[in-house]
PDB file of N, CA and C in Angstrom:
ATOM      1  N   MET A   1      25.211 -18.001 -15.625  1.00  0.00           N
ATOM      2  CA  MET A   1      24.536 -16.846 -16.192  1.00  0.00           C
ATOM      3  C   MET A   1      23.136 -16.733 -15.586  1.00  0.00           C
ATOM      4  N   LYS A   2      22.795 -15.546 -15.128  1.00  0.00           N
ATOM      5  CA  LYS A   2      21.511 -15.319 -14.483  1.00  0.00           C
ATOM      6  C   LYS A   2      20.391 -15.266 -15.523  1.00  0.00           C
ATOM      7  N   SER A   3      19.313 -15.972 -15.245  1.00  0.00           N
ATOM      8  CA  SER A   3      18.147 -15.959 -16.119  1.00  0.00           C
ATOM      9  C   SER A   3      17.298 -14.735 -15.817  1.00  0.00           C
ATOM     10  N   THR A   4      16.873 -14.036 -16.848  1.00  0.00           N
ATOM     11  CA  THR A   4      15.998 -12.883 -16.642  1.00  0.00           C
ATOM     12  C   THR A   4      14.718 -13.078 -17.419  1.00  0.00           C
ATOM     13  N   LEU A   5      13.660 -12.538 -16.881  1.00  0.00           N
ATOM     14  CA  LEU A   5      12.357 -12.603 -17.512  1.00  0.00           C
ATOM     15  C   LEU A   5      12.202 -11.374 -18.387  1.00  0.00           C
ATOM     16  N   THR A   6      11.862 -11.577 -19.640  1.00  0.00           N
ATOM     17  CA  THR A   6      11.615 -10.456 -20.524  1.00  0.00           C
ATOM     18  C   THR A   6      10.177 -10.012 -20.339  1.00  0.00           C
ATOM     19  N   CYS A   7      10.006  -8.767 -20.028  1.00  0.00           N
ATOM     20  CA  CYS A   7       8.671  -8.229 -19.787  1.00  0.00           C
ATOM     21  C   CYS A   7       8.030  -7.842 -21.115  1.00  0.00           C
ATOM     22  N   LEU A   8       6.972  -8.529 -21.461  1.00  0.00           N
ATOM     23  CA  LEU A   8       6.189  -8.176 -22.635  1.00  0.00           C
ATOM     24  C   LEU A   8       4.992  -7.374 -22.143  1.00  0.00           C
ATOM     25  N   THR A   9       5.017  -6.082 -22.390  1.00  0.00           N
ATOM     26  CA  THR A   9       3.983  -5.229 -21.804  1.00  0.00           C
ATOM     27  C   THR A   9       2.578  -5.630 -22.243  1.00  0.00           C
ATOM     28  N   GLN A  10       2.420  -6.128 -23.472  1.00  0.00           N
ATOM     29  CA  GLN A  10       1.096  -6.537 -23.923  1.00  0.00           C
ATOM     30  C   GLN A  10       0.561  -7.687 -23.073  1.00  0.00           C
ATOM     31  N   LYS A  11       1.440  -8.613 -22.720  1.00  0.00           N
ATOM     32  CA  LYS A  11       1.038  -9.739 -21.885  1.00  0.00           C
ATOM     33  C   LYS A  11       0.673  -9.257 -20.481  1.00  0.00           C
ATOM     34  N   ILE A  12       1.446  -8.330 -19.949  1.00  0.00           N
ATOM     35  CA  ILE A  12       1.169  -7.757 -18.638  1.00  0.00           C
ATOM     36  C   ILE A  12      -0.177  -7.033 -18.662  1.00  0.00           C
ATOM     37  N   GLU A  13      -0.411  -6.266 -19.715  1.00  0.00           N
ATOM     38  CA  GLU A  13      -1.679  -5.543 -19.838  1.00  0.00           C
ATOM     39  C   GLU A  13      -2.851  -6.510 -19.882  1.00  0.00           C
ATOM     40  N   LEU A  14      -2.769  -7.511 -20.739  1.00  0.00           N
ATOM     41  CA  LEU A  14      -3.871  -8.454 -20.943  1.00  0.00           C
ATOM     42  C   LEU A  14      -4.140  -9.308 -19.710  1.00  0.00           C
ATOM     43  N   ASN A  15      -3.097  -9.826 -19.098  1.00  0.00           N
ATOM     44  CA  ASN A  15      -3.275 -10.782 -18.012  1.00  0.00           C
ATOM     45  C   ASN A  15      -3.403 -10.168 -16.624  1.00  0.00           C
ATOM     46  N   PHE A  16      -2.929  -8.933 -16.453  1.00  0.00           N
ATOM     47  CA  PHE A  16      -2.913  -8.357 -15.113  1.00  0.00           C
ATOM     48  C   PHE A  16      -3.553  -6.977 -15.022  1.00  0.00           C
ATOM     49  N   ILE A  17      -3.155  -6.058 -15.890  1.00  0.00           N
ATOM     50  CA  ILE A  17      -3.619  -4.681 -15.755  1.00  0.00           C
ATOM     51  C   ILE A  17      -5.091  -4.530 -16.116  1.00  0.00           C
ATOM     52  N   ILE A  18      -5.505  -5.045 -17.262  1.00  0.00           N
ATOM     53  CA  ILE A  18      -6.915  -4.913 -17.659  1.00  0.00           C
ATOM     54  C   ILE A  18      -7.844  -5.572 -16.648  1.00  0.00           C
ATOM     55  N   PRO A  19      -7.555  -6.806 -16.205  1.00  0.00           N
ATOM     56  CA  PRO A  19      -8.437  -7.380 -15.177  1.00  0.00           C
ATOM     57  C   PRO A  19      -8.485  -6.545 -13.893  1.00  0.00           C
ATOM     58  N   ALA A  20      -7.349  -5.970 -13.489  1.00  0.00           N
ATOM     59  CA  ALA A  20      -7.336  -5.146 -12.278  1.00  0.00           C
ATOM     60  C   ALA A  20      -8.173  -3.887 -12.470  1.00  0.00           C
ATOM     61  N   ILE A  21      -8.051  -3.259 -13.622  1.00  0.00           N
ATOM     62  CA  ILE A  21      -8.855  -2.063 -13.918  1.00  0.00           C
ATOM     63  C   ILE A  21     -10.336  -2.422 -13.881  1.00  0.00           C
ATOM     64  N   ARG A  22     -10.715  -3.520 -14.526  1.00  0.00           N
ATOM     65  CA  ARG A  22     -12.117  -3.949 -14.526  1.00  0.00           C
ATOM     66  C   ARG A  22     -12.614  -4.213 -13.104  1.00  0.00           C
ATOM     67  N   LYS A  23     -11.771  -4.838 -12.293  1.00  0.00           N
ATOM     68  CA  LYS A  23     -12.155  -5.111 -10.911  1.00  0.00           C
ATOM     69  C   LYS A  23     -12.535  -3.812 -10.197  1.00  0.00           C
ATOM     70  N   TYR A  24     -11.699  -2.796 -10.364  1.00  0.00           N
ATOM     71  CA  TYR A  24     -11.992  -1.516  -9.732  1.00  0.00           C
ATOM     72  C   TYR A  24     -13.225  -0.848 -10.338  1.00  0.00           C
ATOM     73  N   PHE A  25     -13.384  -0.936 -11.671  1.00  0.00           N
ATOM     74  CA  PHE A  25     -14.590  -0.408 -12.308  1.00  0.00           C
ATOM     75  C   PHE A  25     -15.830  -1.033 -11.673  1.00  0.00           C
ATOM     76  N   ILE A  26     -15.808  -2.349 -11.510  1.00  0.00           N
ATOM     77  CA  ILE A  26     -16.961  -3.060 -10.961  1.00  0.00           C
ATOM     78  C   ILE A  26     -17.248  -2.588  -9.539  1.00  0.00           C
ATOM     79  N   GLU A  27     -16.220  -2.457  -8.725  1.00  0.00           N
ATOM     80  CA  GLU A  27     -16.413  -1.979  -7.352  1.00  0.00           C
ATOM     81  C   GLU A  27     -17.059  -0.595  -7.342  1.00  0.00           C
ATOM     82  N   ILE A  28     -16.559   0.286  -8.181  1.00  0.00           N
ATOM     83  CA  ILE A  28     -17.048   1.666  -8.227  1.00  0.00           C
ATOM     84  C   ILE A  28     -18.473   1.711  -8.768  1.00  0.00           C
ATOM     85  N   LEU A  29     -18.725   1.000  -9.870  1.00  0.00           N
ATOM     86  CA  LEU A  29     -20.054   1.014 -10.473  1.00  0.00           C
ATOM     87  C   LEU A  29     -21.093   0.376  -9.550  1.00  0.00           C
ATOM     88  N   GLU A  30     -20.690  -0.630  -8.817  1.00  0.00           N
ATOM     89  CA  GLU A  30     -21.602  -1.252  -7.862  1.00  0.00           C
ATOM     90  C   GLU A  30     -21.958  -0.249  -6.747  1.00  0.00           C
ATOM     91  N   LYS A  31     -20.968   0.492  -6.268  1.00  0.00           N
ATOM     92  CA  LYS A  31     -21.227   1.521  -5.246  1.00  0.00           C
ATOM     93  C   LYS A  31     -22.134   2.618  -5.783  1.00  0.00           C
ATOM     94  N   GLN A  32     -22.112   2.797  -7.103  1.00  0.00           N
ATOM     95  CA  GLN A  32     -22.965   3.795  -7.747  1.00  0.00           C
ATOM     96  C   GLN A  32     -24.391   3.272  -7.959  1.00  0.00           C
ATOM     97  N   GLY A  33     -24.631   2.022  -7.553  1.00  0.00           N
ATOM     98  CA  GLY A  33     -25.985   1.474  -7.614  1.00  0.00           C
ATOM     99  C   GLY A  33     -26.308   0.628  -8.837  1.00  0.00           C
ATOM    100  N   LEU A  34     -25.313   0.364  -9.688  1.00  0.00           N
ATOM    101  CA  LEU A  34     -25.573  -0.454 -10.864  1.00  0.00           C
ATOM    102  C   LEU A  34     -25.646  -1.929 -10.486  1.00  0.00           C
ATOM    103  N   LYS A  35     -26.525  -2.651 -11.142  1.00  0.00           N
ATOM    104  CA  LYS A  35     -26.674  -4.097 -10.958  1.00  0.00           C
ATOM    105  C   LYS A  35     -25.644  -4.813 -11.827  1.00  0.00           C
ATOM    106  N   ASP A  36     -25.371  -6.065 -11.484  1.00  0.00           N
ATOM    107  CA  ASP A  36     -24.367  -6.854 -12.209  1.00  0.00           C
ATOM    108  C   ASP A  36     -24.630  -6.887 -13.708  1.00  0.00           C
ATOM    109  N   VAL A  37     -25.883  -7.051 -14.096  1.00  0.00           N
ATOM    110  CA  VAL A  37     -26.209  -7.129 -15.525  1.00  0.00           C
ATOM    111  C   VAL A  37     -25.903  -5.803 -16.240  1.00  0.00           C
ATOM    112  N   GLU A  38     -26.137  -4.668 -15.560  1.00  0.00           N
ATOM    113  CA  GLU A  38     -25.820  -3.363 -16.140  1.00  0.00           C
ATOM    114  C   GLU A  38     -24.308  -3.171 -16.247  1.00  0.00           C
ATOM    115  N   ILE A  39     -23.605  -3.578 -15.213  1.00  0.00           N
ATOM    116  CA  ILE A  39     -22.144  -3.471 -15.212  1.00  0.00           C
ATOM    117  C   ILE A  39     -21.564  -4.317 -16.343  1.00  0.00           C
ATOM    118  N   ALA A  40     -22.052  -5.534 -16.475  1.00  0.00           N
ATOM    119  CA  ALA A  40     -21.573  -6.428 -17.538  1.00  0.00           C
ATOM    120  C   ALA A  40     -21.775  -5.793 -18.913  1.00  0.00           C
ATOM    121  N   ARG A  41     -22.947  -5.218 -19.129  1.00  0.00           N
ATOM    122  CA  ARG A  41     -23.240  -4.589 -20.423  1.00  0.00           C
ATOM    123  C   ARG A  41     -22.303  -3.410 -20.674  1.00  0.00           C
ATOM    124  N   LYS A  42     -22.090  -2.587 -19.674  1.00  0.00           N
ATOM    125  CA  LYS A  42     -21.242  -1.403 -19.849  1.00  0.00           C
ATOM    126  C   LYS A  42     -19.771  -1.765 -20.050  1.00  0.00           C
ATOM    127  N   LEU A  43     -19.314  -2.855 -19.419  1.00  0.00           N
ATOM    128  CA  LEU A  43     -17.911  -3.272 -19.560  1.00  0.00           C
ATOM    129  C   LEU A  43     -17.706  -4.277 -20.684  1.00  0.00           C
ATOM    130  N   LYS A  44     -18.794  -4.684 -21.318  1.00  0.00           N
ATOM    131  CA  LYS A  44     -18.751  -5.645 -22.442  1.00  0.00           C
ATOM    132  C   LYS A  44     -18.147  -6.982 -21.999  1.00  0.00           C
ATOM    133  N   ILE A  45     -18.586  -7.431 -20.820  1.00  0.00           N
ATOM    134  CA  ILE A  45     -18.186  -8.731 -20.308  1.00  0.00           C
ATOM    135  C   ILE A  45     -19.455  -9.461 -19.859  1.00  0.00           C
ATOM    136  N   THR A  46     -19.331 -10.717 -19.515  1.00  0.00           N
ATOM    137  CA  THR A  46     -20.505 -11.467 -19.093  1.00  0.00           C
ATOM    138  C   THR A  46     -20.839 -11.179 -17.626  1.00  0.00           C
ATOM    139  N   LYS A  47     -22.061 -11.484 -17.268  1.00  0.00           N
ATOM    140  CA  LYS A  47     -22.472 -11.357 -15.864  1.00  0.00           C
ATOM    141  C   LYS A  47     -21.657 -12.311 -14.993  1.00  0.00           C
ATOM    142  N   ALA A  48     -21.321 -13.485 -15.544  1.00  0.00           N
ATOM    143  CA  ALA A  48     -20.481 -14.443 -14.812  1.00  0.00           C
ATOM    144  C   ALA A  48     -19.093 -13.854 -14.543  1.00  0.00           C
ATOM    145  N   ALA A  49     -18.549 -13.123 -15.512  1.00  0.00           N
ATOM    146  CA  ALA A  49     -17.239 -12.484 -15.317  1.00  0.00           C
ATOM    147  C   ALA A  49     -17.323 -11.435 -14.213  1.00  0.00           C
ATOM    148  N   VAL A  50     -18.415 -10.674 -14.181  1.00  0.00           N
ATOM    149  CA  VAL A  50     -18.600  -9.682 -13.118  1.00  0.00           C
ATOM    150  C   VAL A  50     -18.566 -10.393 -11.766  1.00  0.00           C
ATOM    151  N   SER A  51     -19.238 -11.510 -11.683  1.00  0.00           N
ATOM    152  CA  SER A  51     -19.257 -12.285 -10.438  1.00  0.00           C
ATOM    153  C   SER A  51     -17.852 -12.752 -10.047  1.00  0.00           C
ATOM    154  N   GLN A  52     -17.078 -13.187 -11.018  1.00  0.00           N
ATOM    155  CA  GLN A  52     -15.708 -13.633 -10.730  1.00  0.00           C
ATOM    156  C   GLN A  52     -14.853 -12.495 -10.203  1.00  0.00           C
ATOM    157  N   TYR A  53     -15.009 -11.313 -10.773  1.00  0.00           N
ATOM    158  CA  TYR A  53     -14.266 -10.154 -10.268  1.00  0.00           C
ATOM    159  C   TYR A  53     -14.697  -9.829  -8.839  1.00  0.00           C
ATOM    160  N   LYS A  54     -15.987  -9.864  -8.589  1.00  0.00           N
ATOM    161  CA  LYS A  54     -16.500  -9.541  -7.260  1.00  0.00           C
ATOM    162  C   LYS A  54     -16.057 -10.544  -6.205  1.00  0.00           C
ATOM    163  N   HIS A  55     -15.875 -11.786  -6.622  1.00  0.00           N
ATOM    164  CA  HIS A  55     -15.446 -12.835  -5.688  1.00  0.00           C
ATOM    165  C   HIS A  55     -13.931 -13.041  -5.705  1.00  0.00           C
ATOM    166  N   LYS A  56     -13.223 -12.053  -6.232  1.00  0.00           N
ATOM    167  CA  LYS A  56     -11.757 -12.020  -6.226  1.00  0.00           C
ATOM    168  C   LYS A  56     -11.106 -13.205  -6.929  1.00  0.00           C
ATOM    169  N   LYS A  57     -11.747 -13.652  -8.002  1.00  0.00           N
ATOM    170  CA  LYS A  57     -11.152 -14.712  -8.817  1.00  0.00           C
ATOM    171  C   LYS A  57     -10.415 -14.126 -10.017  1.00  0.00           C
ATOM    172  N   ARG A  58     -10.601 -12.836 -10.261  1.00  0.00           N
ATOM    173  CA  ARG A  58      -9.914 -12.125 -11.340  1.00  0.00           C
ATOM    174  C   ARG A  58      -9.481 -10.755 -10.826  1.00  0.00           C
ATOM    175  N   GLY A  59      -8.388 -10.280 -11.394  1.00  0.00           N
ATOM    176  CA  GLY A  59      -7.962  -8.903 -11.154  1.00  0.00           C
ATOM    177  C   GLY A  59      -7.570  -8.569  -9.737  1.00  0.00           C
ATOM    178  N   LYS A  60      -7.054  -9.529  -9.003  1.00  0.00           N
ATOM    179  CA  LYS A  60      -6.857  -9.299  -7.577  1.00  0.00           C
ATOM    180  C   LYS A  60      -5.450  -8.930  -7.150  1.00  0.00           C
ATOM    181  N   LYS A  61      -4.477  -8.952  -8.001  1.00  0.00           N
ATOM    182  CA  LYS A  61      -3.090  -8.778  -7.569  1.00  0.00           C
ATOM    183  C   LYS A  61      -2.556  -7.355  -7.620  1.00  0.00           C
ATOM    184  N   ILE A  62      -3.041  -6.531  -8.496  1.00  0.00           N
ATOM    185  CA  ILE A  62      -2.422  -5.220  -8.682  1.00  0.00           C
ATOM    186  C   ILE A  62      -3.135  -4.153  -7.862  1.00  0.00           C
ATOM    187  N   LYS A  63      -2.337  -3.428  -7.125  1.00  0.00           N
ATOM    188  CA  LYS A  63      -2.802  -2.246  -6.394  1.00  0.00           C
ATOM    189  C   LYS A  63      -2.169  -1.052  -7.089  1.00  0.00           C
ATOM    190  N   PHE A  64      -3.002  -0.147  -7.563  1.00  0.00           N
ATOM    191  CA  PHE A  64      -2.497   1.003  -8.296  1.00  0.00           C
ATOM    192  C   PHE A  64      -2.208   2.172  -7.354  1.00  0.00           C
ATOM    193  N   PRO A  65      -1.246   3.029  -7.745  1.00  0.00           N
ATOM    194  CA  PRO A  65      -0.983   4.237  -6.958  1.00  0.00           C
ATOM    195  C   PRO A  65      -2.177   5.200  -7.031  1.00  0.00           C
ATOM    196  N   ALA A  66      -2.193   6.161  -6.135  1.00  0.00           N
ATOM    197  CA  ALA A  66      -3.328   7.084  -5.997  1.00  0.00           C
ATOM    198  C   ALA A  66      -3.682   7.813  -7.297  1.00  0.00           C
ATOM    199  N   ASP A  67      -2.680   8.251  -8.058  1.00  0.00           N
ATOM    200  CA  ASP A  67      -2.982   8.998  -9.284  1.00  0.00           C
ATOM    201  C   ASP A  67      -3.679   8.118 -10.320  1.00  0.00           C
ATOM    202  N   ILE A  68      -3.310   6.845 -10.392  1.00  0.00           N
ATOM    203  CA  ILE A  68      -3.969   5.918 -11.330  1.00  0.00           C
ATOM    204  C   ILE A  68      -5.384   5.619 -10.832  1.00  0.00           C
ATOM    205  N   MET A  69      -5.534   5.427  -9.515  1.00  0.00           N
ATOM    206  CA  MET A  69      -6.867   5.167  -8.957  1.00  0.00           C
ATOM    207  C   MET A  69      -7.809   6.343  -9.215  1.00  0.00           C
ATOM    208  N   LYS A  70      -7.285   7.550  -9.167  1.00  0.00           N
ATOM    209  CA  LYS A  70      -8.104   8.734  -9.454  1.00  0.00           C
ATOM    210  C   LYS A  70      -8.632   8.664 -10.892  1.00  0.00           C
ATOM    211  N   GLU A  71      -7.773   8.260 -11.823  1.00  0.00           N
ATOM    212  CA  GLU A  71      -8.190   8.122 -13.221  1.00  0.00           C
ATOM    213  C   GLU A  71      -9.215   6.989 -13.391  1.00  0.00           C
ATOM    214  N   ILE A  72      -9.007   5.898 -12.667  1.00  0.00           N
ATOM    215  CA  ILE A  72      -9.946   4.774 -12.733  1.00  0.00           C
ATOM    216  C   ILE A  72     -11.322   5.221 -12.249  1.00  0.00           C
ATOM    217  N   LYS A  73     -11.356   5.970 -11.167  1.00  0.00           N
ATOM    218  CA  LYS A  73     -12.635   6.459 -10.629  1.00  0.00           C
ATOM    219  C   LYS A  73     -13.328   7.393 -11.620  1.00  0.00           C
ATOM    220  N   LYS A  74     -12.556   8.305 -12.230  1.00  0.00           N
ATOM    221  CA  LYS A  74     -13.133   9.213 -13.233  1.00  0.00           C
ATOM    222  C   LYS A  74     -13.683   8.419 -14.406  1.00  0.00           C
ATOM    223  N   SER A  75     -12.900   7.453 -14.884  1.00  0.00           N
ATOM    224  CA  SER A  75     -13.329   6.649 -16.025  1.00  0.00           C
ATOM    225  C   SER A  75     -14.580   5.840 -15.706  1.00  0.00           C
ATOM    226  N   ALA A  76     -14.657   5.298 -14.497  1.00  0.00           N
ATOM    227  CA  ALA A  76     -15.841   4.520 -14.106  1.00  0.00           C
ATOM    228  C   ALA A  76     -17.095   5.383 -14.173  1.00  0.00           C
ATOM    229  N   LEU A  77     -16.980   6.627 -13.745  1.00  0.00           N
ATOM    230  CA  LEU A  77     -18.137   7.523 -13.805  1.00  0.00           C
ATOM    231  C   LEU A  77     -18.489   7.874 -15.246  1.00  0.00           C
ATOM    232  N   PHE A  78     -17.484   8.010 -16.101  1.00  0.00           N
ATOM    233  CA  PHE A  78     -17.745   8.226 -17.526  1.00  0.00           C
ATOM    234  C   PHE A  78     -18.454   7.013 -18.125  1.00  0.00           C
ATOM    235  N   ILE A  79     -18.008   5.828 -17.754  1.00  0.00           N
ATOM    236  CA  ILE A  79     -18.625   4.589 -18.254  1.00  0.00           C
ATOM    237  C   ILE A  79     -20.076   4.518 -17.793  1.00  0.00           C
ATOM    238  N   LYS A  80     -20.324   4.882 -16.568  1.00  0.00           N
ATOM    239  CA  LYS A  80     -21.699   4.883 -16.046  1.00  0.00           C
ATOM    240  C   LYS A  80     -22.582   5.768 -16.917  1.00  0.00           C
ATOM    241  N   LYS A  81     -22.020   6.872 -17.387  1.00  0.00           N
ATOM    242  CA  LYS A  81     -22.785   7.814 -18.211  1.00  0.00           C
ATOM    243  C   LYS A  81     -22.860   7.397 -19.681  1.00  0.00           C
ATOM    244  N   GLY A  82     -22.215   6.268 -20.034  1.00  0.00           N
ATOM    245  CA  GLY A  82     -22.345   5.769 -21.400  1.00  0.00           C
ATOM    246  C   GLY A  82     -21.084   5.761 -22.239  1.00  0.00           C
ATOM    247  N   LYS A  83     -19.972   6.221 -21.688  1.00  0.00           N
ATOM    248  CA  LYS A  83     -18.711   6.186 -22.452  1.00  0.00           C
ATOM    249  C   LYS A  83     -18.279   4.753 -22.702  1.00  0.00           C
ATOM    250  N   ASN A  84     -17.523   4.540 -23.752  1.00  0.00           N
ATOM    251  CA  ASN A  84     -17.019   3.227 -24.134  1.00  0.00           C
ATOM    252  C   ASN A  84     -15.947   2.768 -23.144  1.00  0.00           C
ATOM    253  N   SER A  85     -16.167   1.626 -22.509  1.00  0.00           N
ATOM    254  CA  SER A  85     -15.231   1.134 -21.490  1.00  0.00           C
ATOM    255  C   SER A  85     -13.864   0.799 -22.074  1.00  0.00           C
ATOM    256  N   ASP A  86     -13.825   0.319 -23.311  1.00  0.00           N
ATOM    257  CA  ASP A  86     -12.539  -0.013 -23.934  1.00  0.00           C
ATOM    258  C   ASP A  86     -11.669   1.228 -24.091  1.00  0.00           C
ATOM    259  N   ILE A  87     -12.277   2.315 -24.500  1.00  0.00           N
ATOM    260  CA  ILE A  87     -11.535   3.571 -24.659  1.00  0.00           C
ATOM    261  C   ILE A  87     -11.030   4.061 -23.308  1.00  0.00           C
ATOM    262  N   GLU A  88     -11.839   3.926 -22.276  1.00  0.00           N
ATOM    263  CA  GLU A  88     -11.423   4.341 -20.939  1.00  0.00           C
ATOM    264  C   GLU A  88     -10.272   3.473 -20.426  1.00  0.00           C
ATOM    265  N   ILE A  89     -10.325   2.169 -20.694  1.00  0.00           N
ATOM    266  CA  ILE A  89      -9.236   1.266 -20.291  1.00  0.00           C
ATOM    267  C   ILE A  89      -7.944   1.660 -20.998  1.00  0.00           C
ATOM    268  N   ILE A  90      -8.026   1.952 -22.283  1.00  0.00           N
ATOM    269  CA  ILE A  90      -6.839   2.355 -23.050  1.00  0.00           C
ATOM    270  C   ILE A  90      -6.243   3.642 -22.472  1.00  0.00           C
ATOM    271  N   LYS A  91      -7.088   4.593 -22.103  1.00  0.00           N
ATOM    272  CA  LYS A  91      -6.591   5.838 -21.501  1.00  0.00           C
ATOM    273  C   LYS A  91      -5.835   5.556 -20.206  1.00  0.00           C
ATOM    274  N   ILE A  92      -6.372   4.664 -19.401  1.00  0.00           N
ATOM    275  CA  ILE A  92      -5.719   4.334 -18.131  1.00  0.00           C
ATOM    276  C   ILE A  92      -4.399   3.608 -18.381  1.00  0.00           C
ATOM    277  N   ILE A  93      -4.391   2.681 -19.313  1.00  0.00           N
ATOM    278  CA  ILE A  93      -3.148   1.977 -19.644  1.00  0.00           C
ATOM    279  C   ILE A  93      -2.096   2.962 -20.135  1.00  0.00           C
ATOM    280  N   ASP A  94      -2.491   3.922 -20.945  1.00  0.00           N
ATOM    281  CA  ASP A  94      -1.546   4.948 -21.408  1.00  0.00           C
ATOM    282  C   ASP A  94      -0.963   5.722 -20.227  1.00  0.00           C
ATOM    283  N   LYS A  95      -1.801   6.050 -19.261  1.00  0.00           N
ATOM    284  CA  LYS A  95      -1.319   6.763 -18.071  1.00  0.00           C
ATOM    285  C   LYS A  95      -0.357   5.877 -17.275  1.00  0.00           C
ATOM    286  N   ILE A  96      -0.670   4.597 -17.167  1.00  0.00           N
ATOM    287  CA  ILE A  96       0.202   3.659 -16.459  1.00  0.00           C
ATOM    288  C   ILE A  96       1.563   3.585 -17.148  1.00  0.00           C
ATOM    289  N   LYS A  97       1.554   3.544 -18.465  1.00  0.00           N
ATOM    290  CA  LYS A  97       2.815   3.496 -19.209  1.00  0.00           C
ATOM    291  C   LYS A  97       3.603   4.800 -19.043  1.00  0.00           C
ATOM    292  N   LYS A  98       2.917   5.927 -19.165  1.00  0.00           N
ATOM    293  CA  LYS A  98       3.597   7.221 -19.043  1.00  0.00           C
ATOM    294  C   LYS A  98       4.186   7.417 -17.649  1.00  0.00           C
ATOM    295  N   SER A  99       3.511   6.902 -16.647  1.00  0.00           N
ATOM    296  CA  SER A  99       4.012   7.032 -15.275  1.00  0.00           C
ATOM    297  C   SER A  99       5.099   6.003 -14.971  1.00  0.00           C
ATOM    298  N   ARG A 100       5.289   5.068 -15.897  1.00  0.00           N
ATOM    299  CA  ARG A 100       6.268   3.979 -15.788  1.00  0.00           C
ATOM    300  C   ARG A 100       5.905   2.979 -14.686  1.00  0.00           C
ATOM    301  N   TYR A 101       4.656   3.010 -14.233  1.00  0.00           N
ATOM    302  CA  TYR A 101       4.224   2.035 -13.232  1.00  0.00           C
ATOM    303  C   TYR A 101       4.235   0.626 -13.815  1.00  0.00           C
ATOM    304  N   ILE A 102       4.074   0.510 -15.112  1.00  0.00           N
ATOM    305  CA  ILE A 102       4.142  -0.812 -15.749  1.00  0.00           C
ATOM    306  C   ILE A 102       5.519  -1.439 -15.512  1.00  0.00           C
ATOM    307  N   CYS A 103       6.554  -0.598 -15.407  1.00  0.00           N
ATOM    308  CA  CYS A 103       7.904  -1.104 -15.118  1.00  0.00           C
ATOM    309  C   CYS A 103       7.973  -1.696 -13.710  1.00  0.00           C
ATOM    310  N   VAL A 104       7.252  -1.089 -12.788  1.00  0.00           N
ATOM    311  CA  VAL A 104       7.196  -1.619 -11.420  1.00  0.00           C
ATOM    312  C   VAL A 104       6.561  -3.003 -11.439  1.00  0.00           C
ATOM    313  N   ILE A 105       5.490  -3.140 -12.194  1.00  0.00           N
ATOM    314  CA  ILE A 105       4.805  -4.433 -12.286  1.00  0.00           C
ATOM    315  C   ILE A 105       5.730  -5.471 -12.907  1.00  0.00           C
ATOM    316  N   CYS A 106       6.391  -5.120 -14.002  1.00  0.00           N
ATOM    317  CA  CYS A 106       7.321  -6.057 -14.650  1.00  0.00           C
ATOM    318  C   CYS A 106       8.468  -6.434 -13.714  1.00  0.00           C
ATOM    319  N   LYS A 107       9.010  -5.454 -13.008  1.00  0.00           N
ATOM    320  CA  LYS A 107      10.121  -5.711 -12.091  1.00  0.00           C
ATOM    321  C   LYS A 107       9.684  -6.651 -10.978  1.00  0.00           C
ATOM    322  N   CYS A 108       8.478  -6.474 -10.474  1.00  0.00           N
ATOM    323  CA  CYS A 108       7.956  -7.376  -9.435  1.00  0.00           C
ATOM    324  C   CYS A 108       7.860  -8.806  -9.968  1.00  0.00           C
ATOM    325  N   MET A 109       7.468  -8.938 -11.210  1.00  0.00           N
ATOM    326  CA  MET A 109       7.369 -10.275 -11.799  1.00  0.00           C
ATOM    327  C   MET A 109       8.755 -10.895 -11.919  1.00  0.00           C
ATOM    328  N   GLU A 110       9.723 -10.098 -12.341  1.00  0.00           N
ATOM    329  CA  GLU A 110      11.090 -10.609 -12.486  1.00  0.00           C
ATOM    330  C   GLU A 110      11.672 -11.039 -11.141  1.00  0.00           C
ATOM    331  N   ASN A 111      11.357 -10.286 -10.096  1.00  0.00           N
ATOM    332  CA  ASN A 111      11.886 -10.584  -8.764  1.00  0.00           C
ATOM    333  C   ASN A 111      11.127 -11.696  -8.063  1.00  0.00           C
ATOM    334  N   GLY A 112      10.025 -12.113  -8.655  1.00  0.00           N
ATOM    335  CA  GLY A 112       9.238 -13.182  -8.052  1.00  0.00           C
ATOM    336  C   GLY A 112       8.294 -12.717  -6.970  1.00  0.00           C
ATOM    337  N   SER A 113       8.174 -11.403  -6.777  1.00  0.00           N
ATOM    338  CA  SER A 113       7.280 -10.912  -5.740  1.00  0.00           C
ATOM    339  C   SER A 113       5.855 -10.744  -6.251  1.00  0.00           C
ATOM    340  N   PHE A 114       5.674 -10.931  -7.515  1.00  0.00           N
ATOM    341  CA  PHE A 114       4.357 -10.854  -8.142  1.00  0.00           C
ATOM    342  C   PHE A 114       4.065 -12.265  -8.617  1.00  0.00           C
ATOM    343  N   GLN A 115       3.488 -13.071  -7.780  1.00  0.00           N
ATOM    344  CA  GLN A 115       3.434 -14.500  -8.040  1.00  0.00           C
ATOM    345  C   GLN A 115       2.131 -14.995  -8.640  1.00  0.00           C
ATOM    346  N   HIS A 116       1.195 -14.130  -8.880  1.00  0.00           N
ATOM    347  CA  HIS A 116      -0.068 -14.582  -9.453  1.00  0.00           C
ATOM    348  C   HIS A 116       0.133 -14.857 -10.924  1.00  0.00           C
ATOM    349  N   THR A 117      -0.243 -16.016 -11.403  1.00  0.00           N
ATOM    350  CA  THR A 117       0.029 -16.394 -12.785  1.00  0.00           C
ATOM    351  C   THR A 117      -1.178 -16.286 -13.688  1.00  0.00           C
ATOM    352  N   LYS A 118      -2.353 -16.140 -13.117  1.00  0.00           N
ATOM    353  CA  LYS A 118      -3.555 -16.093 -13.933  1.00  0.00           C
ATOM    354  C   LYS A 118      -4.524 -15.119 -13.321  1.00  0.00           C
ATOM    355  N   ASN A 119      -5.072 -14.207 -14.133  1.00  0.00           N
ATOM    356  CA  ASN A 119      -6.043 -13.248 -13.639  1.00  0.00           C
ATOM    357  C   ASN A 119      -7.365 -13.543 -14.218  1.00  0.00           C
TER     358      ASN A 119
END
């Protein structure tokens, strides 16, 4: 009998999608001229976490399709202007679910082509 991995979307979101979204937020906000301490405050994470994202120790495995990246860029600019980063992350996750891209991520994990175990 073939063993299959059950995809728990909450686990995928927490361990892979949210860190990837934050990684892109940091890249965009840095290009917008924000300092690490400002980025950390806006994303509600530590300055050390910002450094880990920048040095590719977190959020490095997922590449989003163009339509999701467009939403990430819009959200990053909203965050720069003071919007709540958690709400923006939730909006992006909802778009990922509606587009069924989360299924692609889960399928990659099941096939073993998504081998990163910790973000």
